[in-house]
Amino acid sequence: MQDKIYKFIISGGGTGGHIYPAIAIANEIKRLHPNAEILFVGAKGRMEMTRVPEAGFKIIGLWISGLQRRLTVDNLSFPLKVISSIKTASKIIKEFKPDAVVGVGGYASGPTLYAATKQHIPTLIQEQNSHAGITNKLLANKVDKVCVAYDTMYKFFPASKLEVTGNPVRRDIVDSVGKREEAMGFFGLNPERKTFLVIGGSLGARTLNQSTQAALHKIQEAGYNLIWQTGKTYFPLAEEAVNGLPQDQIKAFEFLKRMDLAYAAADVVISRAGALSISELCLAKKPSILVPSPNVAEDHQTKNAMALVQKDAAILVKDAEAAQTLWDMALALVKDTEKQKQLSQNIAALGKPFAAETIVQELFKLVK
């Protein structure tokens, strides 16, 4: 007798923090059921429309965007976009006939989950942050299960639906420990030197980029390597800034596809405090300085970072103070092996390497 072919829709995106957990869930479904059919639903023009096909999955885009904080033409068309997206999502669900629908946050997630609940399809939310997004809060009473990364989420979601699973992270990140030699070869860096990794998230981070550019000569003269991921907007400036600096020491990248090797190379990581970045740092067991973005809803990156700082698992630098203090602190930390060891042990204790498996188990409970 042939096994049932399961079908799932995974919806959401907008940033790497939504997209990569979604891909990790999809990969885990395929690991357990290689014949499973998975369809992604994203927002037209957002980065999931390229990242998801790169990972080997099909995606359909909805005409949807977020509400801006100021009055714009986009805001005026927002109700129309929501109605249009719910209609399109309903049609996709009717035609694809999924066994269940997963929402990971981001613009497309809301209309797709809402349409699925209307058709009585089992639904699961995966909330990455320590502060729930507005869409997920609105849908909390309609969906069947909510998987979260923090044990403080009972204030946002019904306790009966909640499962603390951690954030799903790409398998290669979990396996990044022990790849230092390969990483140094991959990036073409001098393995004798200690290495900083700066990651500003998939869309880049102005404060981290400006602070790092100002410190380039200081980093070079102190004899350290730098892997600097800038995001798309800042990359041309960074490329110009590193021109003329030693190629086996200072490297700038618009985007890092081999994050496993970037973590493996790093002795100290400087990062924003997005939920996915934090989950990856826990699994990569890296001493980290976190600079929360001030431009996010409910200041949730500061809350994410404080969850680690309170356990002496990371160092926090406020965005407003980064230009003055960030690199002085980073250069002090890279010399302090005892502090690095302490941070590394404490952050490793918070890692949840089996989050994707646990989420997929919950998903199949809904289907069965």
Protein backbone atom coordinates (compact mmCIF):
# COMPACT_ATOMS: atom_id res chain seq x y z
CA MET A 1 0.00 0.00 0.00
CA GLN A 2 1.41 3.40 -0.97
CA ASP A 3 2.07 5.94 1.81
CA LYS A 4 -0.15 9.01 1.83
CA ILE A 5 1.44 12.00 0.11
CA TYR A 6 1.18 14.89 2.57
CA LYS A 7 0.69 18.45 1.32
CA PHE A 8 1.58 21.61 3.26
CA ILE A 9 1.46 25.34 2.68
CA ILE A 10 4.04 27.47 4.51
CA SER A 11 3.36 31.19 4.46
CA GLY A 12 5.21 34.36 5.46
CA GLY A 13 8.54 36.10 4.97
CA GLY A 14 9.75 39.66 4.48
CA THR A 15 13.07 39.14 6.29
CA GLY A 16 15.53 36.29 6.78
CA GLY A 17 14.19 36.00 10.33
CA HIS A 18 10.91 34.66 8.90
CA ILE A 19 12.19 32.93 5.77
CA TYR A 20 14.93 30.71 7.19
CA PRO A 21 12.78 29.17 9.96
CA ALA A 22 10.16 28.45 7.26
CA ILE A 23 12.77 26.72 5.08
CA ALA A 24 14.05 24.75 8.10
CA ILE A 25 10.48 23.49 8.74
CA ALA A 26 10.08 22.57 5.06
CA ASN A 27 13.40 20.69 5.03
CA GLU A 28 12.41 18.74 8.14
CA ILE A 29 9.06 17.75 6.57
CA LYS A 30 10.96 16.54 3.48
CA ARG A 31 13.46 14.63 5.65
CA LEU A 32 10.62 12.69 7.30
CA HIS A 33 8.41 12.42 4.20
CA PRO A 34 10.49 12.83 1.01
CA ASN A 35 7.31 12.63 -1.12
CA ALA A 36 5.56 15.47 0.74
CA GLU A 37 4.48 18.41 -1.43
CA ILE A 38 5.25 21.87 -0.03
CA LEU A 39 4.06 25.17 -1.42
CA PHE A 40 5.21 28.53 -0.04
CA VAL A 41 3.03 31.64 -0.13
CA GLY A 42 4.91 34.94 0.18
CA ALA A 43 4.51 38.63 -0.57
CA LYS A 44 5.27 39.87 -4.09
CA GLY A 45 8.51 41.83 -4.28
CA ARG A 46 9.85 40.59 -0.92
CA MET A 47 13.03 38.57 -0.46
CA GLU A 48 11.22 35.23 0.02
CA MET A 49 10.37 35.32 -3.71
CA THR A 50 14.08 34.63 -4.47
CA ARG A 51 15.32 32.88 -1.29
CA VAL A 52 12.63 30.15 -1.28
CA PRO A 53 13.24 29.00 -4.90
CA GLU A 54 17.00 29.03 -4.14
CA ALA A 55 16.23 26.52 -1.36
CA GLY A 56 14.39 24.32 -3.88
CA PHE A 57 10.74 25.10 -3.11
CA LYS A 58 7.91 26.58 -5.18
CA ILE A 59 6.42 29.92 -4.04
CA ILE A 60 3.39 32.00 -5.05
CA GLY A 61 3.29 35.74 -4.22
CA LEU A 62 0.36 37.70 -2.78
CA TRP A 63 -0.23 41.43 -3.37
CA ILE A 64 0.28 42.45 0.27
CA SER A 65 2.44 44.83 2.30
CA GLY A 66 2.53 46.15 5.86
CA LEU A 67 0.94 49.24 7.33
CA GLN A 68 3.37 52.18 7.38
CA ARG A 69 3.56 54.32 10.53
CA ARG A 70 2.99 57.47 8.50
CA LEU A 71 0.24 58.28 5.98
CA THR A 72 1.24 56.90 2.57
CA VAL A 73 -0.46 55.76 -0.63
CA ASP A 74 0.41 52.21 0.44
CA ASN A 75 -1.65 52.67 3.62
CA LEU A 76 -4.66 53.83 1.61
CA SER A 77 -4.50 50.68 -0.52
CA PHE A 78 -3.89 48.40 2.50
CA PRO A 79 -7.54 47.27 3.01
CA LEU A 80 -7.78 46.47 -0.71
CA LYS A 81 -4.54 44.45 -0.54
CA VAL A 82 -5.82 42.46 2.46
CA ILE A 83 -9.13 41.60 0.73
CA SER A 84 -7.30 40.71 -2.51
CA SER A 85 -4.74 38.55 -0.64
CA ILE A 86 -7.40 36.65 1.32
CA LYS A 87 -9.23 35.92 -1.96
CA THR A 88 -6.01 34.75 -3.67
CA ALA A 89 -4.97 32.67 -0.63
CA SER A 90 -8.44 31.05 -0.50
CA LYS A 91 -8.12 30.08 -4.17
CA ILE A 92 -4.59 28.68 -3.63
CA ILE A 93 -5.81 26.57 -0.67
CA LYS A 94 -8.85 25.24 -2.59
CA GLU A 95 -6.66 24.22 -5.53
CA PHE A 96 -3.65 22.85 -3.61
CA LYS A 97 -5.75 21.10 -0.87
CA PRO A 98 -3.10 21.14 1.91
CA ASP A 99 -3.29 18.85 4.95
CA ALA A 100 -2.21 21.82 7.08
CA VAL A 101 -1.01 25.44 6.78
CA VAL A 102 1.95 26.94 8.68
CA GLY A 103 2.36 30.70 9.22
CA VAL A 104 5.79 32.02 10.17
CA GLY A 105 5.01 35.75 10.38
CA GLY A 106 5.45 38.45 7.76
CA TYR A 107 2.91 40.09 5.45
CA ALA A 108 1.63 37.01 3.59
CA SER A 109 1.16 34.91 6.70
CA GLY A 110 -2.01 36.66 7.96
CA PRO A 111 -4.24 36.35 4.85
CA THR A 112 -3.10 32.75 4.24
CA LEU A 113 -3.73 31.55 7.81
CA TYR A 114 -7.07 33.40 7.92
CA ALA A 115 -8.18 31.79 4.63
CA ALA A 116 -7.12 28.35 5.93
CA THR A 117 -9.11 28.71 9.16
CA LYS A 118 -12.19 29.68 7.12
CA GLN A 119 -11.83 26.40 5.18
CA HIS A 120 -11.29 24.41 8.42
CA ILE A 121 -7.74 23.39 7.44
CA PRO A 122 -5.46 22.65 10.46
CA THR A 123 -3.23 25.66 11.13
CA LEU A 124 -0.01 26.27 13.07
CA ILE A 125 1.76 29.56 13.87
CA GLN A 126 5.51 29.65 14.44
CA GLU A 127 6.30 32.85 16.40
CA GLN A 128 10.05 33.58 16.53
CA ASN A 129 10.18 36.62 18.81
CA SER A 130 9.82 37.26 22.53
CA HIS A 131 7.04 39.72 21.64
CA ALA A 132 4.25 38.42 19.40
CA GLY A 133 3.59 40.13 16.08
CA ILE A 134 0.21 41.85 15.59
CA THR A 135 -0.96 39.37 12.90
CA ASN A 136 -0.19 36.37 15.09
CA LYS A 137 -1.97 37.94 18.08
CA LEU A 138 -5.08 38.56 15.93
CA LEU A 139 -5.09 34.96 14.69
CA ALA A 140 -4.25 33.30 18.04
CA ASN A 141 -7.84 32.27 18.79
CA LYS A 142 -8.48 30.94 15.26
CA VAL A 143 -5.44 28.69 14.72
CA ASP A 144 -4.94 25.21 16.21
CA LYS A 145 -1.37 25.39 17.53
CA VAL A 146 1.22 28.09 18.33
CA CYS A 147 4.91 27.13 18.51
CA VAL A 148 7.11 29.69 20.29
CA ALA A 149 10.76 30.22 21.19
CA TYR A 150 10.30 31.84 24.62
CA ASP A 151 8.54 30.54 27.72
CA THR A 152 7.06 34.01 28.41
CA MET A 153 4.55 33.88 25.53
CA TYR A 154 1.50 32.89 27.60
CA LYS A 155 0.57 36.58 27.78
CA PHE A 156 -0.02 36.63 23.99
CA PHE A 157 -1.47 33.21 23.19
CA PRO A 158 -3.96 30.75 24.74
CA ALA A 159 -2.00 28.36 27.01
CA SER A 160 -3.88 25.35 25.61
CA LYS A 161 -2.47 26.00 22.11
CA LEU A 162 1.09 26.88 23.13
CA GLU A 163 4.20 24.75 22.64
CA VAL A 164 7.69 26.04 23.55
CA THR A 165 9.83 24.56 20.77
CA GLY A 166 12.59 27.10 20.11
CA ASN A 167 13.20 28.58 16.68
CA PRO A 168 13.94 26.21 13.79
CA VAL A 169 17.44 26.77 12.48
CA ARG A 170 19.10 25.41 9.33
CA ARG A 171 20.77 22.06 10.00
CA ASP A 172 24.15 23.31 8.75
CA ILE A 173 24.24 25.92 11.58
CA VAL A 174 23.77 23.16 14.15
CA ASP A 175 26.68 21.33 12.49
CA SER A 176 28.94 24.43 12.22
CA VAL A 177 30.98 23.57 15.34
CA GLY A 178 34.33 22.04 14.33
CA LYS A 179 34.51 23.53 10.82
CA ARG A 180 37.05 26.30 11.55
CA GLU A 181 39.78 25.05 9.23
CA GLU A 182 37.31 24.63 6.34
CA ALA A 183 35.86 28.10 7.10
CA MET A 184 39.25 29.84 6.99
CA GLY A 185 39.97 28.24 3.63
CA PHE A 186 36.52 29.12 2.29
CA PHE A 187 36.86 32.82 3.23
CA GLY A 188 40.57 33.00 2.35
CA LEU A 189 41.54 34.31 5.79
CA ASN A 190 44.79 33.93 7.73
CA PRO A 191 44.04 31.14 10.27
CA GLU A 192 46.66 32.48 12.69
CA ARG A 193 44.47 35.49 13.49
CA LYS A 194 41.33 35.72 15.62
CA THR A 195 38.20 36.59 13.64
CA PHE A 196 35.26 38.95 14.10
CA LEU A 197 31.96 38.28 12.35
CA VAL A 198 29.58 41.24 11.88
CA ILE A 199 26.03 40.39 10.77
CA GLY A 200 23.36 43.05 10.39
CA GLY A 201 20.53 40.77 9.31
CA SER A 202 19.42 40.00 5.76
CA LEU A 203 18.43 43.64 5.09
CA GLY A 204 21.52 45.20 6.66
CA ALA A 205 21.94 47.49 9.69
CA ARG A 206 23.14 51.06 9.30
CA THR A 207 24.59 51.49 12.82
CA LEU A 208 26.60 48.25 12.68
CA ASN A 209 27.87 49.08 9.20
CA GLN A 210 28.88 52.66 10.00
CA SER A 211 30.57 51.64 13.28
CA THR A 212 32.45 48.84 11.53
CA GLN A 213 33.59 51.04 8.65
CA ALA A 214 34.94 53.59 11.16
CA ALA A 215 36.89 50.81 12.95
CA LEU A 216 38.40 49.06 9.90
CA HIS A 217 41.95 50.38 10.33
CA LYS A 218 41.82 49.74 14.09
CA ILE A 219 40.82 46.09 13.44
CA GLN A 220 43.53 45.68 10.81
CA GLU A 221 46.29 47.25 12.92
CA ALA A 222 45.32 45.13 15.96
CA GLY A 223 45.88 42.05 13.77
CA TYR A 224 42.37 40.56 13.60
CA ASN A 225 40.32 39.13 10.73
CA LEU A 226 36.89 40.52 9.85
CA ILE A 227 33.98 38.89 8.02
CA TRP A 228 31.52 41.74 7.47
CA GLN A 229 28.02 41.08 6.12
CA THR A 230 26.55 44.45 5.15
CA GLY A 231 23.17 43.79 3.50
CA LYS A 232 22.33 45.09 0.03
CA THR A 233 22.09 48.87 0.62
CA TYR A 234 25.42 49.40 2.34
CA PHE A 235 27.52 46.97 0.30
CA PRO A 236 28.86 49.44 -2.34
CA LEU A 237 30.22 51.70 0.45
CA ALA A 238 31.71 48.74 2.32
CA GLU A 239 33.33 47.36 -0.83
CA GLU A 240 34.99 50.72 -1.39
CA ALA A 241 36.06 50.95 2.26
CA VAL A 242 37.84 47.56 2.28
CA ASN A 243 39.54 48.21 -1.07
CA GLY A 244 43.28 48.36 -0.40
CA LEU A 245 43.07 46.50 2.93
CA PRO A 246 44.70 43.04 3.17
CA GLN A 247 42.51 40.47 1.36
CA ASP A 248 43.44 37.67 3.77
CA GLN A 249 42.25 39.77 6.72
CA ILE A 250 39.25 42.03 5.95
CA LYS A 251 36.29 40.77 3.88
CA ALA A 252 32.97 42.49 3.11
CA PHE A 253 29.94 40.62 1.75
CA GLU A 254 26.49 41.78 0.71
CA PHE A 255 25.03 38.47 1.86
CA LEU A 256 26.47 35.30 3.39
CA LYS A 257 25.09 32.08 1.94
CA ARG A 258 27.41 29.87 4.05
CA MET A 259 26.44 31.12 7.51
CA ASP A 260 27.64 27.81 8.97
CA LEU A 261 31.20 28.61 7.87
CA ALA A 262 30.90 32.26 8.93
CA TYR A 263 30.02 31.13 12.47
CA ALA A 264 32.73 28.44 12.38
CA ALA A 265 35.37 31.08 11.54
CA ALA A 266 34.25 33.56 14.22
CA ASP A 267 35.78 34.05 17.66
CA VAL A 268 33.45 36.98 18.46
CA VAL A 269 30.16 37.83 16.74
CA ILE A 270 28.56 41.29 16.54
CA SER A 271 24.90 41.05 15.55
CA ARG A 272 21.44 42.56 15.64
CA ALA A 273 19.12 40.78 18.09
CA GLY A 274 16.55 39.30 15.74
CA ALA A 275 15.06 36.06 17.02
CA LEU A 276 16.64 33.91 14.31
CA SER A 277 20.11 35.43 14.83
CA ILE A 278 19.88 34.70 18.55
CA SER A 279 18.75 31.10 17.95
CA GLU A 280 21.68 30.61 15.56
CA LEU A 281 24.19 32.13 17.99
CA CYS A 282 22.96 29.78 20.75
CA LEU A 283 23.53 26.75 18.52
CA ALA A 284 26.85 28.03 17.15
CA LYS A 285 27.89 28.70 20.83
CA LYS A 286 29.49 32.03 20.00
CA PRO A 287 30.53 34.88 22.37
CA SER A 288 28.34 37.71 21.08
CA ILE A 289 27.75 41.44 21.31
CA LEU A 290 24.14 42.26 20.46
CA VAL A 291 23.05 45.67 19.14
CA PRO A 292 19.21 45.59 19.05
CA SER A 293 17.56 47.44 16.18
CA PRO A 294 15.51 50.41 17.43
CA ASN A 295 13.31 50.25 14.29
CA VAL A 296 11.19 47.20 15.16
CA ALA A 297 7.70 46.82 16.64
CA GLU A 298 7.45 46.96 20.44
CA ASP A 299 11.29 47.17 20.68
CA HIS A 300 11.22 43.35 20.56
CA GLN A 301 14.94 43.02 19.71
CA THR A 302 15.90 44.60 23.04
CA LYS A 303 13.59 42.09 24.77
CA ASN A 304 15.21 39.24 22.79
CA ALA A 305 18.69 40.45 23.78
CA MET A 306 17.80 40.97 27.46
CA ALA A 307 16.66 37.33 27.71
CA LEU A 308 20.33 36.43 27.05
CA VAL A 309 21.99 39.29 28.96
CA GLN A 310 20.11 38.35 32.15
CA LYS A 311 21.72 34.89 31.92
CA ASP A 312 25.20 36.32 31.20
CA ALA A 313 24.97 34.74 27.73
CA ALA A 314 25.64 37.89 25.65
CA ILE A 315 26.73 41.54 25.91
CA LEU A 316 24.30 44.31 24.91
CA VAL A 317 25.27 47.62 23.30
CA LYS A 318 22.46 50.12 22.65
CA ASP A 319 22.12 51.27 19.05
CA ALA A 320 22.48 54.92 20.09
CA GLU A 321 25.80 54.17 21.84
CA ALA A 322 27.29 51.82 19.22
CA ALA A 323 29.29 54.46 17.33
CA GLN A 324 31.17 55.37 20.53
CA THR A 325 31.51 52.02 22.35
CA LEU A 326 30.87 49.00 20.10
CA TRP A 327 34.33 48.34 18.74
CA ASP A 328 36.15 49.23 21.99
CA MET A 329 34.04 46.54 23.67
CA ALA A 330 34.58 44.07 20.82
CA LEU A 331 38.36 44.54 20.87
CA ALA A 332 38.39 44.11 24.66
CA LEU A 333 36.27 40.92 24.43
CA VAL A 334 38.44 39.26 21.76
CA LYS A 335 41.43 39.57 24.15
CA ASP A 336 39.49 38.23 27.17
CA THR A 337 39.46 34.45 26.67
CA GLU A 338 37.90 33.83 30.10
CA LYS A 339 34.90 36.07 29.31
CA GLN A 340 34.55 34.46 25.87
CA LYS A 341 34.47 31.00 27.46
CA GLN A 342 31.84 32.10 29.99
CA LEU A 343 29.59 33.69 27.32
CA SER A 344 30.02 30.67 25.05
CA GLN A 345 29.00 28.18 27.77
CA ASN A 346 25.99 30.25 28.85
CA ILE A 347 24.66 30.89 25.33
CA ALA A 348 25.12 27.20 24.38
CA ALA A 349 22.89 26.21 27.32
CA LEU A 350 19.99 28.17 25.76
CA GLY A 351 20.18 26.44 22.34
CA LYS A 352 17.34 24.24 21.10
CA PRO A 353 18.85 22.13 18.30
CA PHE A 354 15.69 20.06 17.73
CA ALA A 355 13.21 22.91 17.24
CA ALA A 356 12.39 22.05 13.62
CA GLU A 357 11.75 18.39 14.52
CA THR A 358 9.48 19.35 17.43
CA ILE A 359 7.46 21.79 15.29
CA VAL A 360 6.99 19.22 12.54
CA GLN A 361 5.88 16.63 15.13
CA GLU A 362 3.23 19.12 16.32
CA LEU A 363 2.21 19.70 12.70
CA PHE A 364 1.66 16.00 12.07
CA LYS A 365 -0.36 15.68 15.30
CA LEU A 366 -2.77 18.25 13.79
CA VAL A 367 -2.98 16.33 10.51
CA LYS A 368 -3.59 12.97 12.17
